[in-house]
C-alpha atoms as a PDB file:
ATOM      1  CA  MET A   1     249.283  76.562 127.378  1.00  0.00           C
ATOM      2  CA  ARG A   2     247.731  75.997 123.874  1.00  0.00           C
ATOM      3  CA  PHE A   3     245.817  72.522 122.609  1.00  0.00           C
ATOM      4  CA  ASP A   4     245.027  72.734 119.267  1.00  0.00           C
ATOM      5  CA  VAL A   5     242.727  68.517 118.933  1.00  0.00           C
ATOM      6  CA  PHE A   6     241.961  67.763 115.531  1.00  0.00           C
ATOM      7  CA  THR A   7     238.820  65.599 115.474  1.00  0.00           C
ATOM      8  CA  LEU A   8     236.367  63.879 113.879  1.00  0.00           C
ATOM      9  CA  LEU A   9     234.096  64.481 116.576  1.00  0.00           C
ATOM     10  CA  PRO A  10     234.170  67.576 118.474  1.00  0.00           C
ATOM     11  CA  GLU A  11     230.842  67.441 120.864  1.00  0.00           C
ATOM     12  CA  VAL A  12     232.573  64.990 122.096  1.00  0.00           C
ATOM     13  CA  PHE A  13     235.268  67.765 124.445  1.00  0.00           C
ATOM     14  CA  PRO A  14     232.882  70.687 125.889  1.00  0.00           C
ATOM     15  CA  SER A  15     231.488  68.985 129.278  1.00  0.00           C
ATOM     16  CA  TYR A  16     234.576  67.775 130.161  1.00  0.00           C
ATOM     17  CA  LEU A  17     236.636  70.881 129.501  1.00  0.00           C
ATOM     18  CA  GLU A  18     233.730  73.327 130.948  1.00  0.00           C
ATOM     19  CA  THR A  19     234.063  71.134 134.545  1.00  0.00           C
ATOM     20  CA  SER A  20     236.278  71.526 137.270  1.00  0.00           C
ATOM     21  CA  ILE A  21     240.154  72.457 137.051  1.00  0.00           C
ATOM     22  CA  LEU A  22     240.413  72.240 133.102  1.00  0.00           C
ATOM     23  CA  LYS A  23     237.317  74.572 133.297  1.00  0.00           C
ATOM     24  CA  ARG A  24     238.881  76.766 135.924  1.00  0.00           C
ATOM     25  CA  ALA A  25     242.608  76.591 134.157  1.00  0.00           C
ATOM     26  CA  ARG A  26     240.781  77.815 130.867  1.00  0.00           C
ATOM     27  CA  GLU A  27     238.564  80.948 132.562  1.00  0.00           C
ATOM     28  CA  ARG A  28     241.837  82.017 133.768  1.00  0.00           C
ATOM     29  CA  GLY A  29     243.867  81.419 130.731  1.00  0.00           C
ATOM     30  CA  LEU A  30     246.322  78.807 132.156  1.00  0.00           C
ATOM     31  CA  ILE A  31     245.033  77.032 129.155  1.00  0.00           C
ATOM     32  CA  ASP A  32     243.638  77.250 126.316  1.00  0.00           C
ATOM     33  CA  VAL A  33     242.098  74.462 124.188  1.00  0.00           C
ATOM     34  CA  HIS A  34     240.758  75.155 120.083  1.00  0.00           C
ATOM     35  CA  VAL A  35     239.384  71.543 118.331  1.00  0.00           C
ATOM     36  CA  HIS A  36     238.596  71.710 115.023  1.00  0.00           C
ATOM     37  CA  ASN A  37     236.500  69.399 113.593  1.00  0.00           C
ATOM     38  CA  ILE A  38     238.937  67.124 110.259  1.00  0.00           C
ATOM     39  CA  ARG A  39     235.135  67.757 108.672  1.00  0.00           C
ATOM     40  CA  ASP A  40     235.769  70.879 107.470  1.00  0.00           C
ATOM     41  CA  TYR A  41     238.409  70.573 105.283  1.00  0.00           C
ATOM     42  CA  THR A  42     236.347  67.760 103.214  1.00  0.00           C
ATOM     43  CA  ARG A  43     236.397  69.322  99.472  1.00  0.00           C
ATOM     44  CA  ASP A  44     233.522  67.488  98.697  1.00  0.00           C
ATOM     45  CA  LYS A  45     229.428  67.916  99.556  1.00  0.00           C
ATOM     46  CA  HIS A  46     229.344  64.957 102.123  1.00  0.00           C
ATOM     47  CA  HIS A  47     232.075  65.505 104.087  1.00  0.00           C
ATOM     48  CA  THR A  48     234.314  62.166 103.809  1.00  0.00           C
ATOM     49  CA  ALA A  49     236.987  62.057 105.195  1.00  0.00           C
ATOM     50  CA  ASP A  50     237.625  58.362 105.720  1.00  0.00           C
ATOM     51  CA  ASP A  51     237.536  55.576 102.810  1.00  0.00           C
ATOM     52  CA  ALA A  52     237.734  51.480 102.131  1.00  0.00           C
ATOM     53  CA  PRO A  53     241.385  50.802 102.838  1.00  0.00           C
ATOM     54  CA  TYR A  54     243.182  49.420  99.707  1.00  0.00           C
ATOM     55  CA  GLY A  55     243.484  45.900  99.373  1.00  0.00           C
ATOM     56  CA  GLY A  56     240.911  45.261 101.179  1.00  0.00           C
ATOM     57  CA  GLY A  57     239.564  44.393 104.709  1.00  0.00           C
ATOM     58  CA  GLY A  58     237.256  45.580 106.811  1.00  0.00           C
ATOM     59  CA  GLY A  59     237.351  49.391 108.665  1.00  0.00           C
ATOM     60  CA  MET A  60     237.758  52.066 106.900  1.00  0.00           C
ATOM     61  CA  VAL A  61     240.866  54.431 106.659  1.00  0.00           C
ATOM     62  CA  MET A  62     241.368  58.736 107.875  1.00  0.00           C
ATOM     63  CA  LYS A  63     241.676  59.968 104.282  1.00  0.00           C
ATOM     64  CA  PRO A  64     245.378  61.900 103.957  1.00  0.00           C
ATOM     65  CA  GLU A  65     244.009  65.607 102.978  1.00  0.00           C
ATOM     66  CA  PRO A  66     241.214  66.810 105.366  1.00  0.00           C
ATOM     67  CA  VAL A  67     243.756  65.433 108.142  1.00  0.00           C
ATOM     68  CA  PHE A  68     246.800  67.922 106.431  1.00  0.00           C
ATOM     69  CA  GLU A  69     244.627  69.903 105.765  1.00  0.00           C
ATOM     70  CA  SER A  70     243.893  71.038 108.629  1.00  0.00           C
ATOM     71  CA  ILE A  71     246.418  70.581 110.625  1.00  0.00           C
ATOM     72  CA  GLU A  72     248.459  73.194 108.440  1.00  0.00           C
ATOM     73  CA  SER A  73     245.850  75.571 108.025  1.00  0.00           C
ATOM     74  CA  VAL A  74     246.488  75.756 111.670  1.00  0.00           C
ATOM     75  CA  LEU A  75     249.328  75.509 111.495  1.00  0.00           C
ATOM     76  CA  GLY A  76     250.077  78.331 108.775  1.00  0.00           C
ATOM     77  CA  LEU A  77     249.212  81.573 111.777  1.00  0.00           C
ATOM     78  CA  SER A  78     251.315  80.025 114.122  1.00  0.00           C
ATOM     79  CA  ALA A  79     254.718  81.668 115.044  1.00  0.00           C
ATOM     80  CA  ASN A  80     257.117  79.395 115.249  1.00  0.00           C
ATOM     81  CA  THR A  81     255.983  75.558 113.488  1.00  0.00           C
ATOM     82  CA  GLU A  82     259.654  74.149 114.826  1.00  0.00           C
ATOM     83  CA  ASN A  83     258.389  73.469 118.062  1.00  0.00           C
ATOM     84  CA  ILE A  84     254.688  72.535 118.306  1.00  0.00           C
ATOM     85  CA  PRO A  85     253.930  68.264 118.475  1.00  0.00           C
ATOM     86  CA  ILE A  86     251.795  67.268 116.401  1.00  0.00           C
ATOM     87  CA  ILE A  87     250.543  63.966 118.371  1.00  0.00           C
ATOM     88  CA  LEU A  88     249.277  61.686 116.883  1.00  0.00           C
ATOM     89  CA  LEU A  89     246.796  59.268 119.761  1.00  0.00           C
ATOM     90  CA  THR A  90     247.179  55.438 118.742  1.00  0.00           C
ATOM     91  CA  PRO A  91     247.452  51.898 120.541  1.00  0.00           C
ATOM     92  CA  GLN A  92     250.390  51.934 118.284  1.00  0.00           C
ATOM     93  CA  GLY A  93     251.913  55.094 120.492  1.00  0.00           C
ATOM     94  CA  ARG A  94     254.813  54.928 123.361  1.00  0.00           C
ATOM     95  CA  VAL A  95     252.825  54.521 126.447  1.00  0.00           C
ATOM     96  CA  PHE A  96     251.765  57.011 128.532  1.00  0.00           C
ATOM     97  CA  ASN A  97     253.416  57.891 131.978  1.00  0.00           C
ATOM     98  CA  GLN A  98     253.775  60.965 134.189  1.00  0.00           C
ATOM     99  CA  SER A  99     257.022  61.777 133.046  1.00  0.00           C
ATOM    100  CA  ILE A 100     255.886  61.741 129.298  1.00  0.00           C
ATOM    101  CA  ALA A 101     253.129  64.061 130.558  1.00  0.00           C
ATOM    102  CA  ASP A 102     256.175  66.151 132.735  1.00  0.00           C
ATOM    103  CA  GLU A 103     258.078  66.611 129.183  1.00  0.00           C
ATOM    104  CA  LEU A 104     254.855  67.941 127.806  1.00  0.00           C
ATOM    105  CA  SER A 105     254.286  70.348 129.720  1.00  0.00           C
ATOM    106  CA  LYS A 106     257.548  71.747 128.945  1.00  0.00           C
ATOM    107  CA  HIS A 107     256.126  72.812 125.519  1.00  0.00           C
ATOM    108  CA  PRO A 108     253.860  76.133 124.645  1.00  0.00           C
ATOM    109  CA  ARG A 109     251.834  73.881 122.238  1.00  0.00           C
ATOM    110  CA  ILE A 110     250.560  70.619 121.770  1.00  0.00           C
ATOM    111  CA  PHE A 111     248.017  69.289 118.710  1.00  0.00           C
ATOM    112  CA  LEU A 112     246.998  66.660 119.318  1.00  0.00           C
ATOM    113  CA  LEU A 113     245.132  64.360 115.637  1.00  0.00           C
ATOM    114  CA  CYS A 114     242.642  62.155 117.142  1.00  0.00           C
ATOM    115  CA  GLY A 115     242.444  58.654 115.085  1.00  0.00           C
ATOM    116  CA  ARG A 116     238.854  56.381 114.558  1.00  0.00           C
ATOM    117  CA  TYR A 117     237.706  53.952 112.451  1.00  0.00           C
ATOM    118  CA  GLU A 118     240.009  50.939 111.210  1.00  0.00           C
ATOM    119  CA  GLY A 119     243.375  54.248 111.334  1.00  0.00           C
ATOM    120  CA  ILE A 120     244.664  56.846 109.593  1.00  0.00           C
ATOM    121  CA  ASP A 121     245.970  56.557 105.806  1.00  0.00           C
ATOM    122  CA  GLU A 122     250.255  55.852 106.868  1.00  0.00           C
ATOM    123  CA  ARG A 123     251.493  58.586 104.788  1.00  0.00           C
ATOM    124  CA  ILE A 124     249.922  60.704 107.401  1.00  0.00           C
ATOM    125  CA  ARG A 125     252.191  59.005 109.976  1.00  0.00           C
ATOM    126  CA  GLU A 126     255.527  58.724 108.026  1.00  0.00           C
ATOM    127  CA  HIS A 127     254.476  62.516 107.122  1.00  0.00           C
ATOM    128  CA  LEU A 128     252.863  64.781 109.232  1.00  0.00           C
ATOM    129  CA  VAL A 129     252.781  63.580 113.452  1.00  0.00           C
ATOM    130  CA  THR A 130     256.020  63.915 115.080  1.00  0.00           C
ATOM    131  CA  ASP A 131     255.165  61.840 118.319  1.00  0.00           C
ATOM    132  CA  GLU A 132     252.800  59.058 118.979  1.00  0.00           C
ATOM    133  CA  ILE A 133     251.405  58.069 122.002  1.00  0.00           C
ATOM    134  CA  SER A 134     249.061  55.402 123.248  1.00  0.00           C
ATOM    135  CA  ILE A 135     247.175  55.293 126.885  1.00  0.00           C
ATOM    136  CA  GLY A 136     247.096  51.928 126.848  1.00  0.00           C
ATOM    137  CA  ASP A 137     248.409  48.345 125.486  1.00  0.00           C
ATOM    138  CA  TYR A 138     244.093  48.258 124.150  1.00  0.00           C
ATOM    139  CA  VAL A 139     242.190  49.872 121.708  1.00  0.00           C
ATOM    140  CA  LEU A 140     239.282  52.038 122.230  1.00  0.00           C
ATOM    141  CA  THR A 141     236.893  53.461 119.192  1.00  0.00           C
ATOM    142  CA  GLY A 142     238.876  56.626 118.332  1.00  0.00           C
ATOM    143  CA  GLY A 143     240.789  59.009 119.827  1.00  0.00           C
ATOM    144  CA  GLU A 144     238.945  61.682 121.419  1.00  0.00           C
ATOM    145  CA  LEU A 145     239.157  60.454 124.917  1.00  0.00           C
ATOM    146  CA  PRO A 146     242.979  59.528 125.113  1.00  0.00           C
ATOM    147  CA  ALA A 147     243.134  63.576 124.163  1.00  0.00           C
ATOM    148  CA  LEU A 148     241.494  63.977 127.196  1.00  0.00           C
ATOM    149  CA  ILE A 149     243.475  62.358 129.375  1.00  0.00           C
ATOM    150  CA  LEU A 150     246.877  63.253 127.698  1.00  0.00           C
ATOM    151  CA  MET A 151     245.476  67.329 128.679  1.00  0.00           C
ATOM    152  CA  ASP A 152     244.446  66.346 132.029  1.00  0.00           C
ATOM    153  CA  ALA A 153     247.853  65.572 132.993  1.00  0.00           C
ATOM    154  CA  VAL A 154     249.744  68.376 131.746  1.00  0.00           C
ATOM    155  CA  SER A 155     247.511  70.940 132.520  1.00  0.00           C
ATOM    156  CA  ARG A 156     247.698  69.768 136.204  1.00  0.00           C
ATOM    157  CA  LEU A 157     251.254  70.034 136.176  1.00  0.00           C
ATOM    158  CA  LEU A 158     251.084  73.994 135.132  1.00  0.00           C
ATOM    159  CA  PRO A 159     251.731  76.365 137.396  1.00  0.00           C
ATOM    160  CA  ASP A 160     248.956  77.729 139.391  1.00  0.00           C
ATOM    161  CA  VAL A 161     245.605  75.320 137.497  1.00  0.00           C
ATOM    162  CA  LEU A 162     245.643  73.684 140.984  1.00  0.00           C
ATOM    163  CA  GLY A 163     244.779  75.060 143.933  1.00  0.00           C
ATOM    164  CA  ASP A 164     248.008  74.302 145.709  1.00  0.00           C
ATOM    165  CA  PRO A 165     251.394  74.734 144.446  1.00  0.00           C
ATOM    166  CA  THR A 166     253.042  71.823 145.760  1.00  0.00           C
ATOM    167  CA  GLY A 167     250.686  69.586 144.322  1.00  0.00           C
ATOM    168  CA  ALA A 168     250.993  67.987 141.248  1.00  0.00           C
ATOM    169  CA  GLN A 169     254.473  66.494 143.141  1.00  0.00           C
ATOM    170  CA  ASP A 170     252.764  63.753 145.729  1.00  0.00           C
ATOM    171  CA  ASP A 171     250.550  62.743 143.156  1.00  0.00           C
ATOM    172  CA  SER A 172     251.106  59.191 142.181  1.00  0.00           C
ATOM    173  CA  HIS A 173     253.988  58.501 139.631  1.00  0.00           C
ATOM    174  CA  ALA A 174     254.875  62.197 140.061  1.00  0.00           C
ATOM    175  CA  MET A 175     257.733  61.310 142.981  1.00  0.00           C
ATOM    176  CA  GLY A 176     258.348  58.044 141.202  1.00  0.00           C
ATOM    177  CA  LEU A 177     255.891  56.251 143.722  1.00  0.00           C
ATOM    178  CA  LEU A 178     252.160  55.347 144.983  1.00  0.00           C
ATOM    179  CA  GLU A 179     251.192  57.927 146.486  1.00  0.00           C
ATOM    180  CA  TYR A 180     250.279  57.773 150.619  1.00  0.00           C
ATOM    181  CA  PRO A 181     246.702  57.498 151.890  1.00  0.00           C
ATOM    182  CA  HIS A 182     244.337  60.658 152.553  1.00  0.00           C
ATOM    183  CA  TYR A 183     242.004  61.108 155.081  1.00  0.00           C
ATOM    184  CA  THR A 184     239.532  63.939 156.402  1.00  0.00           C
ATOM    185  CA  ARG A 185     236.602  64.640 158.621  1.00  0.00           C
ATOM    186  CA  PRO A 186     235.004  62.788 160.775  1.00  0.00           C
ATOM    187  CA  PRO A 187     237.846  61.769 162.997  1.00  0.00           C
ATOM    188  CA  GLU A 188     236.597  58.406 163.387  1.00  0.00           C
ATOM    189  CA  PHE A 189     233.537  56.670 160.921  1.00  0.00           C
ATOM    190  CA  ARG A 190     232.118  53.452 161.712  1.00  0.00           C
ATOM    191  CA  GLY A 191     234.932  52.688 164.437  1.00  0.00           C
ATOM    192  CA  TRP A 192     236.989  53.077 162.409  1.00  0.00           C
ATOM    193  CA  LYS A 193     239.876  56.327 163.098  1.00  0.00           C
ATOM    194  CA  VAL A 194     242.224  58.247 161.662  1.00  0.00           C
ATOM    195  CA  PRO A 195     245.845  57.318 162.148  1.00  0.00           C
ATOM    196  CA  ASP A 196     247.087  59.738 164.799  1.00  0.00           C
ATOM    197  CA  VAL A 197     249.576  61.545 163.335  1.00  0.00           C
ATOM    198  CA  LEU A 198     247.822  62.784 161.236  1.00  0.00           C
ATOM    199  CA  LEU A 199     246.090  64.673 164.248  1.00  0.00           C
ATOM    200  CA  THR A 200     249.198  65.926 166.167  1.00  0.00           C
ATOM    201  CA  GLY A 201     249.816  69.237 163.552  1.00  0.00           C
ATOM    202  CA  ALA A 202     253.445  67.519 163.619  1.00  0.00           C
ATOM    203  CA  HIS A 203     254.539  67.693 160.031  1.00  0.00           C
ATOM    204  CA  VAL A 204     258.128  66.534 160.548  1.00  0.00           C
ATOM    205  CA  LYS A 205     256.140  63.365 161.400  1.00  0.00           C
ATOM    206  CA  ILE A 206     253.669  63.446 159.603  1.00  0.00           C
ATOM    207  CA  ASP A 207     256.639  63.664 156.513  1.00  0.00           C
ATOM    208  CA  LYS A 208     257.914  60.084 158.035  1.00  0.00           C
ATOM    209  CA  TRP A 209     254.903  58.959 158.218  1.00  0.00           C
ATOM    210  CA  ARG A 210     253.104  59.265 154.152  1.00  0.00           C
ATOM    211  CA  ARG A 211     257.258  58.437 152.815  1.00  0.00           C
ATOM    212  CA  GLU A 212     256.785  56.124 154.106  1.00  0.00           C
ATOM    213  CA  GLN A 213     252.852  55.061 153.722  1.00  0.00           C
ATOM    214  CA  ALA A 214     254.243  55.302 149.757  1.00  0.00           C
ATOM    215  CA  LEU A 215     257.074  53.177 150.803  1.00  0.00           C
ATOM    216  CA  LEU A 216     254.156  50.643 151.974  1.00  0.00           C
ATOM    217  CA  ARG A 217     251.811  50.709 149.642  1.00  0.00           C
ATOM    218  CA  THR A 218     254.182  50.698 146.949  1.00  0.00           C
ATOM    219  CA  LEU A 219     255.271  47.185 147.395  1.00  0.00           C
ATOM    220  CA  LYS A 220     252.515  45.847 147.578  1.00  0.00           C
ATOM    221  CA  LYS A 221     250.596  47.132 144.976  1.00  0.00           C
ATOM    222  CA  ARG A 222     253.585  48.005 142.318  1.00  0.00           C
ATOM    223  CA  PRO A 223     256.995  46.942 143.665  1.00  0.00           C
ATOM    224  CA  ASP A 224     258.083  47.522 140.191  1.00  0.00           C
ATOM    225  CA  MET A 225     258.356  51.162 140.812  1.00  0.00           C
ATOM    226  CA  LEU A 226     261.015  50.925 143.073  1.00  0.00           C
ATOM    227  CA  GLU A 227     263.154  49.285 140.418  1.00  0.00           C
ATOM    228  CA  LYS A 228     263.078  53.734 139.423  1.00  0.00           C
ATOM    229  CA  ALA A 229     262.780  55.321 142.091  1.00  0.00           C
ATOM    230  CA  GLU A 230     264.360  57.543 143.560  1.00  0.00           C
ATOM    231  CA  LEU A 231     264.774  56.258 147.153  1.00  0.00           C
ATOM    232  CA  SER A 232     267.523  57.246 150.433  1.00  0.00           C
ATOM    233  CA  LYS A 233     268.979  55.182 152.507  1.00  0.00           C
ATOM    234  CA  GLU A 234     265.965  56.308 155.007  1.00  0.00           C
ATOM    235  CA  ASP A 235     263.768  54.263 152.230  1.00  0.00           C
ATOM    236  CA  LEU A 236     266.277  51.778 151.469  1.00  0.00           C
ATOM    237  CA  LYS A 237     266.535  51.271 155.108  1.00  0.00           C
ATOM    238  CA  PHE A 238     262.401  50.790 155.797  1.00  0.00           C
ATOM    239  CA  LEU A 239     261.986  48.775 152.978  1.00  0.00           C
ATOM    240  CA  GLU A 240     264.215  46.678 154.319  1.00  0.00           C
ATOM    241  CA  ASN A 241     263.107  46.821 157.436  1.00  0.00           C
ATOM    242  CA  LEU A 242     259.459  45.426 156.388  1.00  0.00           C
ATOM    243  CA  LYS A 243     261.351  42.299 154.636  1.00  0.00           C
END
């Protein structure tokens, strides 16, 4: 998968992309990230990418010309432009979740536009972007962090990105529930012991325990998720017994 990121702050991205799972995924050619500086597409000597809003008010607004030209310039090199999502990271977008991450992971290429300042010229929203995504009901100073979050969440769903082929399937939200507890060595720490079932090697019992723990944790922390989760008869019986 290829990500094309359009931003006024390209220096934000290298440090995170050069670490851990995303670094290995890039080195193995599983993901490809190109960061484009919107200022490179300005026409004045000061590389002006923002201006005061018509009608007055505080803050500055990102100008349409460099945004359109940056995205259209890169888009023009693509063989099939119709299927490339052009996503604006904005508090006004649909709220990002695991389902959207899975949806986006099906695309071979994604464009990400990072807003800044007070916002973007509305003509960018109306005539250029194809989707708008928010990472939550709060406001950040720009779309760079949301872009990194989206790339991270989508990348780990791609084949071979994670060391464990089934790792993403067990994550919180991926299965409609919060993830079960994890333990590692030592088996006892400060008097706190690892649950006995995890030390038995009995995979059927371990799977059952993990499922029940996921149900219990979701019930305690996010009971709203149970309304949409795919629950078996055994799951429903377990939850009923808890009540």
